[in-house]
Amino acid sequence: MSFLVPCPQCGPRDVYEFRFGGETLRRPSPDATPLVWTNYRYMRVNRDGNAREWWFHRLGCRRWFVTERDTVRNVVSASGWATGD
Protein backbone atom coordinates (compact mmCIF):
# COMPACT_ATOMS: atom_id res chain seq x y z
CA MET A 1 0.00 0.00 0.00
CA SER A 2 1.44 3.33 -1.02
CA PHE A 3 1.05 6.62 0.83
CA LEU A 4 2.83 9.96 1.04
CA VAL A 5 5.41 10.80 3.70
CA PRO A 6 6.12 14.53 4.10
CA CYS A 7 9.88 14.96 4.46
CA PRO A 8 10.63 18.16 6.43
CA GLN A 9 13.25 19.14 3.83
CA CYS A 10 12.02 17.68 0.53
CA GLY A 11 8.24 17.79 0.95
CA PRO A 12 5.69 15.00 0.36
CA ARG A 13 7.13 11.94 -1.37
CA ASP A 14 6.05 8.35 -2.02
CA VAL A 15 6.68 6.03 0.93
CA TYR A 16 8.99 3.88 -1.24
CA GLU A 17 11.64 6.64 -1.10
CA PHE A 18 12.00 6.09 2.65
CA ARG A 19 13.18 3.52 5.16
CA PHE A 20 10.98 2.92 8.20
CA GLY A 21 12.96 3.18 11.44
CA GLY A 22 10.37 2.08 13.99
CA GLU A 23 8.60 3.78 16.88
CA THR A 24 10.31 6.55 18.76
CA LEU A 25 11.23 5.40 22.25
CA ARG A 26 13.05 7.03 25.15
CA ARG A 27 16.60 5.66 25.26
CA PRO A 28 17.55 3.94 28.55
CA SER A 29 20.33 5.33 30.71
CA PRO A 30 23.83 3.91 30.01
CA ASP A 31 23.80 1.99 33.30
CA ALA A 32 20.43 0.30 32.64
CA THR A 33 20.20 -3.47 33.04
CA PRO A 34 20.60 -5.79 30.05
CA LEU A 35 16.88 -6.61 30.29
CA VAL A 36 15.95 -2.92 29.95
CA TRP A 37 18.24 -2.58 26.91
CA THR A 38 16.82 -5.76 25.35
CA ASN A 39 13.27 -4.49 25.78
CA TYR A 40 14.24 -1.10 24.31
CA ARG A 41 15.84 -2.74 21.29
CA TYR A 42 13.42 -5.55 20.49
CA MET A 43 10.01 -5.04 22.12
CA ARG A 44 7.56 -2.82 20.24
CA VAL A 45 4.03 -1.71 21.05
CA ASN A 46 2.84 -1.90 17.41
CA ARG A 47 -0.42 -0.11 18.22
CA ASP A 48 -3.33 0.65 15.94
CA GLY A 49 -3.92 4.37 15.55
CA ASN A 50 -1.56 7.29 16.08
CA ALA A 51 2.13 6.45 16.42
CA ARG A 52 5.31 8.53 16.55
CA GLU A 53 7.91 6.99 14.20
CA TRP A 54 11.39 7.38 12.73
CA TRP A 55 11.78 7.62 8.94
CA PHE A 56 14.93 7.93 6.79
CA HIS A 57 14.73 9.64 3.38
CA ARG A 58 17.04 7.26 1.55
CA LEU A 59 16.32 8.52 -1.98
CA GLY A 60 16.23 12.21 -1.09
CA CYS A 61 18.03 14.30 1.52
CA ARG A 62 19.33 11.17 3.37
CA ARG A 63 18.22 12.48 6.79
CA TRP A 64 16.32 10.90 9.69
CA PHE A 65 13.16 12.60 10.93
CA VAL A 66 10.09 11.88 13.06
CA THR A 67 6.47 11.58 11.94
CA GLU A 68 3.11 11.19 13.60
CA ARG A 69 1.18 8.62 11.56
CA ASP A 70 -2.18 6.91 11.81
CA THR A 71 -1.11 3.27 11.35
CA VAL A 72 -4.62 2.14 10.40
CA ARG A 73 -5.15 4.59 7.53
CA ASN A 74 -1.44 5.23 6.72
CA VAL A 75 -1.92 8.98 6.94
CA VAL A 76 0.93 11.14 8.22
CA SER A 77 -0.44 14.10 10.18
CA ALA A 78 2.90 15.75 11.07
CA SER A 79 6.62 15.41 10.45
CA GLY A 80 9.72 17.22 11.64
CA TRP A 81 13.26 16.94 12.88
CA ALA A 82 13.88 15.13 16.15
CA THR A 83 13.99 17.51 19.11
CA GLY A 84 15.64 15.29 21.72
CA ASP A 85 12.66 15.23 24.07
C-alpha atoms as a PDB file:
ATOM      1  CA  MET A   1       0.000   0.000   0.000  1.00  0.00           C
ATOM      2  CA  SER A   2       1.445   3.333  -1.024  1.00  0.00           C
ATOM      3  CA  PHE A   3       1.053   6.615   0.832  1.00  0.00           C
ATOM      4  CA  LEU A   4       2.826   9.964   1.039  1.00  0.00           C
ATOM      5  CA  VAL A   5       5.405  10.799   3.696  1.00  0.00           C
ATOM      6  CA  PRO A   6       6.124  14.532   4.095  1.00  0.00           C
ATOM      7  CA  CYS A   7       9.880  14.962   4.456  1.00  0.00           C
ATOM      8  CA  PRO A   8      10.633  18.157   6.426  1.00  0.00           C
ATOM      9  CA  GLN A   9      13.247  19.144   3.833  1.00  0.00           C
ATOM     10  CA  CYS A  10      12.017  17.681   0.526  1.00  0.00           C
ATOM     11  CA  GLY A  11       8.240  17.788   0.953  1.00  0.00           C
ATOM     12  CA  PRO A  12       5.687  14.999   0.360  1.00  0.00           C
ATOM     13  CA  ARG A  13       7.129  11.940  -1.370  1.00  0.00           C
ATOM     14  CA  ASP A  14       6.046   8.352  -2.020  1.00  0.00           C
ATOM     15  CA  VAL A  15       6.683   6.032   0.930  1.00  0.00           C
ATOM     16  CA  TYR A  16       8.986   3.880  -1.236  1.00  0.00           C
ATOM     17  CA  GLU A  17      11.637   6.644  -1.101  1.00  0.00           C
ATOM     18  CA  PHE A  18      11.995   6.093   2.654  1.00  0.00           C
ATOM     19  CA  ARG A  19      13.184   3.521   5.161  1.00  0.00           C
ATOM     20  CA  PHE A  20      10.984   2.917   8.203  1.00  0.00           C
ATOM     21  CA  GLY A  21      12.961   3.176  11.444  1.00  0.00           C
ATOM     22  CA  GLY A  22      10.370   2.082  13.994  1.00  0.00           C
ATOM     23  CA  GLU A  23       8.605   3.780  16.879  1.00  0.00           C
ATOM     24  CA  THR A  24      10.305   6.552  18.762  1.00  0.00           C
ATOM     25  CA  LEU A  25      11.231   5.395  22.254  1.00  0.00           C
ATOM     26  CA  ARG A  26      13.046   7.029  25.146  1.00  0.00           C
ATOM     27  CA  ARG A  27      16.598   5.664  25.264  1.00  0.00           C
ATOM     28  CA  PRO A  28      17.545   3.941  28.554  1.00  0.00           C
ATOM     29  CA  SER A  29      20.333   5.331  30.706  1.00  0.00           C
ATOM     30  CA  PRO A  30      23.826   3.908  30.013  1.00  0.00           C
ATOM     31  CA  ASP A  31      23.800   1.992  33.304  1.00  0.00           C
ATOM     32  CA  ALA A  32      20.430   0.301  32.641  1.00  0.00           C
ATOM     33  CA  THR A  33      20.201  -3.467  33.045  1.00  0.00           C
ATOM     34  CA  PRO A  34      20.600  -5.787  30.053  1.00  0.00           C
ATOM     35  CA  LEU A  35      16.875  -6.613  30.291  1.00  0.00           C
ATOM     36  CA  VAL A  36      15.949  -2.921  29.952  1.00  0.00           C
ATOM     37  CA  TRP A  37      18.243  -2.579  26.915  1.00  0.00           C
ATOM     38  CA  THR A  38      16.821  -5.758  25.353  1.00  0.00           C
ATOM     39  CA  ASN A  39      13.265  -4.487  25.775  1.00  0.00           C
ATOM     40  CA  TYR A  40      14.244  -1.103  24.312  1.00  0.00           C
ATOM     41  CA  ARG A  41      15.843  -2.738  21.294  1.00  0.00           C
ATOM     42  CA  TYR A  42      13.420  -5.554  20.485  1.00  0.00           C
ATOM     43  CA  MET A  43      10.008  -5.043  22.124  1.00  0.00           C
ATOM     44  CA  ARG A  44       7.559  -2.818  20.237  1.00  0.00           C
ATOM     45  CA  VAL A  45       4.027  -1.714  21.049  1.00  0.00           C
ATOM     46  CA  ASN A  46       2.839  -1.896  17.407  1.00  0.00           C
ATOM     47  CA  ARG A  47      -0.418  -0.115  18.225  1.00  0.00           C
ATOM     48  CA  ASP A  48      -3.327   0.650  15.939  1.00  0.00           C
ATOM     49  CA  GLY A  49      -3.915   4.370  15.551  1.00  0.00           C
ATOM     50  CA  ASN A  50      -1.555   7.287  16.077  1.00  0.00           C
ATOM     51  CA  ALA A  51       2.129   6.446  16.423  1.00  0.00           C
ATOM     52  CA  ARG A  52       5.310   8.534  16.551  1.00  0.00           C
ATOM     53  CA  GLU A  53       7.908   6.987  14.203  1.00  0.00           C
ATOM     54  CA  TRP A  54      11.386   7.382  12.732  1.00  0.00           C
ATOM     55  CA  TRP A  55      11.780   7.618   8.941  1.00  0.00           C
ATOM     56  CA  PHE A  56      14.928   7.930   6.788  1.00  0.00           C
ATOM     57  CA  HIS A  57      14.726   9.640   3.381  1.00  0.00           C
ATOM     58  CA  ARG A  58      17.040   7.258   1.552  1.00  0.00           C
ATOM     59  CA  LEU A  59      16.318   8.520  -1.983  1.00  0.00           C
ATOM     60  CA  GLY A  60      16.228  12.214  -1.090  1.00  0.00           C
ATOM     61  CA  CYS A  61      18.033  14.302   1.518  1.00  0.00           C
ATOM     62  CA  ARG A  62      19.331  11.175   3.366  1.00  0.00           C
ATOM     63  CA  ARG A  63      18.222  12.480   6.785  1.00  0.00           C
ATOM     64  CA  TRP A  64      16.323  10.903   9.685  1.00  0.00           C
ATOM     65  CA  PHE A  65      13.156  12.597  10.930  1.00  0.00           C
ATOM     66  CA  VAL A  66      10.094  11.880  13.060  1.00  0.00           C
ATOM     67  CA  THR A  67       6.466  11.576  11.944  1.00  0.00           C
ATOM     68  CA  GLU A  68       3.106  11.185  13.595  1.00  0.00           C
ATOM     69  CA  ARG A  69       1.179   8.618  11.563  1.00  0.00           C
ATOM     70  CA  ASP A  70      -2.183   6.905  11.810  1.00  0.00           C
ATOM     71  CA  THR A  71      -1.106   3.266  11.354  1.00  0.00           C
ATOM     72  CA  VAL A  72      -4.616   2.140  10.402  1.00  0.00           C
ATOM     73  CA  ARG A  73      -5.150   4.593   7.525  1.00  0.00           C
ATOM     74  CA  ASN A  74      -1.437   5.225   6.716  1.00  0.00           C
ATOM     75  CA  VAL A  75      -1.919   8.984   6.937  1.00  0.00           C
ATOM     76  CA  VAL A  76       0.932  11.145   8.217  1.00  0.00           C
ATOM     77  CA  SER A  77      -0.438  14.102  10.182  1.00  0.00           C
ATOM     78  CA  ALA A  78       2.898  15.747  11.071  1.00  0.00           C
ATOM     79  CA  SER A  79       6.616  15.408  10.446  1.00  0.00           C
ATOM     80  CA  GLY A  80       9.716  17.219  11.642  1.00  0.00           C
ATOM     81  CA  TRP A  81      13.259  16.941  12.878  1.00  0.00           C
ATOM     82  CA  ALA A  82      13.877  15.132  16.153  1.00  0.00           C
ATOM     83  CA  THR A  83      13.991  17.510  19.110  1.00  0.00           C
ATOM     84  CA  GLY A  84      15.639  15.288  21.718  1.00  0.00           C
ATOM     85  CA  ASP A  85      12.661  15.229  24.073  1.00  0.00           C
END
